[in-house]
Amino acid sequence: MKYCVVEAGGKQYRAEEGKMLTVDLLPAEIGDDVVLNNVVLFVDGDSVTVGTPYIKGASVITTVDDQIKGKKILVFKYKPRINYRKRSGHRQKYTRLLVDSIVME
């Protein structure tokens, strides 16, 4: 089984070939190719390669599948005794990537 851990937007994600990956919004159009170069860990069967902090020559080639919105969360601010109540919501935007290949040079 071949997979890697890649860093995108300050967060780490596990990427496998042929699987979908949902990351924070990237400035790319649907169908564009995106190369993620910050590979932290690479596993191919029994061999494990760990980067310090990244693996040189390793990259993940992905295709933008969709730009989606996440679940709506409720933000409610409240201060007692002074009649202050403020309600708002937030929907985070995400980019769904299809992992085409994991390249190790």
Protein backbone atom coordinates (compact mmCIF):
# COMPACT_ATOMS: atom_id res chain seq x y z
CA MET A 1 0.00 0.00 0.00
CA LYS A 2 1.43 3.32 -1.10
CA TYR A 3 0.46 6.57 0.63
CA CYS A 4 1.96 9.78 1.94
CA VAL A 5 1.26 12.57 4.37
CA VAL A 6 1.22 15.96 2.68
CA GLU A 7 0.99 19.45 4.14
CA ALA A 8 -1.38 22.00 2.60
CA GLY A 9 -2.56 25.22 4.18
CA GLY A 10 -0.78 24.51 7.48
CA LYS A 11 -2.60 21.19 7.95
CA GLN A 12 -1.50 17.63 7.21
CA TYR A 13 -3.51 15.18 5.12
CA ARG A 14 -3.09 11.52 4.20
CA ALA A 15 -3.04 11.10 0.42
CA GLU A 16 -3.53 7.85 -1.49
CA GLU A 17 -3.60 7.44 -5.26
CA GLY A 18 -7.14 7.48 -6.65
CA LYS A 19 -8.68 8.89 -3.44
CA MET A 20 -10.26 12.29 -2.78
CA LEU A 21 -8.62 14.86 -0.55
CA THR A 22 -10.50 17.84 0.94
CA VAL A 23 -8.24 20.80 1.76
CA ASP A 24 -8.81 24.47 2.54
CA LEU A 25 -9.68 26.68 -0.42
CA LEU A 26 -6.99 26.83 -3.10
CA PRO A 27 -6.93 29.48 -5.87
CA ALA A 28 -7.51 27.03 -8.73
CA GLU A 29 -10.27 26.28 -11.21
CA ILE A 30 -12.07 22.96 -11.59
CA GLY A 31 -9.97 20.65 -13.76
CA ASP A 32 -6.65 22.38 -13.02
CA ASP A 33 -3.64 20.35 -11.92
CA VAL A 34 -2.23 21.17 -8.48
CA VAL A 35 1.17 19.89 -7.32
CA LEU A 36 1.65 19.58 -3.56
CA ASN A 37 5.39 19.58 -2.80
CA ASN A 38 5.35 19.53 1.01
CA VAL A 39 5.48 15.77 1.58
CA VAL A 40 6.20 14.95 5.23
CA LEU A 41 5.99 11.14 5.17
CA PHE A 42 6.09 8.54 2.38
CA VAL A 43 5.16 4.87 2.86
CA ASP A 44 5.53 2.21 0.16
CA GLY A 45 4.88 -1.24 1.58
CA ASP A 46 7.46 -1.83 4.30
CA SER A 47 9.72 1.12 3.44
CA VAL A 48 9.00 4.36 5.33
CA THR A 49 10.65 7.70 4.50
CA VAL A 50 10.33 10.58 6.95
CA GLY A 51 11.24 14.13 5.94
CA THR A 52 13.19 16.70 7.93
CA PRO A 53 10.78 18.56 7.68
CA TYR A 54 9.97 17.69 4.03
CA ILE A 55 11.15 14.97 1.66
CA LYS A 56 13.20 16.42 -1.20
CA GLY A 57 12.01 15.32 -4.64
CA ALA A 58 8.65 14.02 -3.44
CA SER A 59 5.39 15.51 -4.65
CA VAL A 60 1.71 14.70 -5.00
CA ILE A 61 0.03 15.47 -8.33
CA THR A 62 -3.68 16.22 -7.95
CA THR A 63 -6.58 17.49 -10.05
CA VAL A 64 -9.19 19.93 -8.73
CA ASP A 65 -12.49 18.06 -8.65
CA ASP A 66 -14.77 20.62 -6.99
CA GLN A 67 -14.96 23.79 -4.89
CA ILE A 68 -17.37 23.09 -2.02
CA LYS A 69 -18.71 24.70 1.14
CA GLY A 70 -18.59 22.97 4.49
CA LYS A 71 -21.30 22.57 7.07
CA LYS A 72 -22.68 25.80 8.53
CA ILE A 73 -21.63 26.52 12.10
CA LEU A 74 -23.39 28.86 14.49
CA VAL A 75 -21.43 31.64 16.20
CA PHE A 76 -23.25 33.09 19.22
CA LYS A 77 -21.79 35.84 21.41
CA TYR A 78 -23.43 36.58 24.74
CA LYS A 79 -22.70 38.84 27.70
CA PRO A 80 -24.86 38.49 30.79
CA ARG A 81 -26.70 41.37 32.49
CA ILE A 82 -26.12 43.90 29.69
CA ASN A 83 -28.52 42.48 27.10
CA TYR A 84 -25.80 41.78 24.50
CA ARG A 85 -26.53 38.91 22.12
CA LYS A 86 -25.08 38.52 18.66
CA ARG A 87 -25.74 35.58 16.36
CA SER A 88 -23.99 34.83 13.08
CA GLY A 89 -22.99 31.84 11.00
CA HIS A 90 -19.99 30.70 9.00
CA ARG A 91 -19.45 28.23 6.14
CA GLN A 92 -15.84 27.32 5.38
CA LYS A 93 -14.89 26.89 1.73
CA TYR A 94 -12.94 23.81 0.67
CA THR A 95 -11.27 22.44 -2.44
CA ARG A 96 -11.77 18.76 -3.23
CA LEU A 97 -8.74 17.22 -4.92
CA LEU A 98 -8.39 13.89 -6.73
CA VAL A 99 -4.94 12.38 -6.12
CA ASP A 100 -3.57 11.28 -9.49
CA SER A 101 -0.09 10.10 -8.50
CA ILE A 102 2.55 10.24 -5.82
CA VAL A 103 5.97 10.99 -7.31
CA MET A 104 9.18 10.04 -5.50
CA GLU A 105 12.42 11.02 -7.28
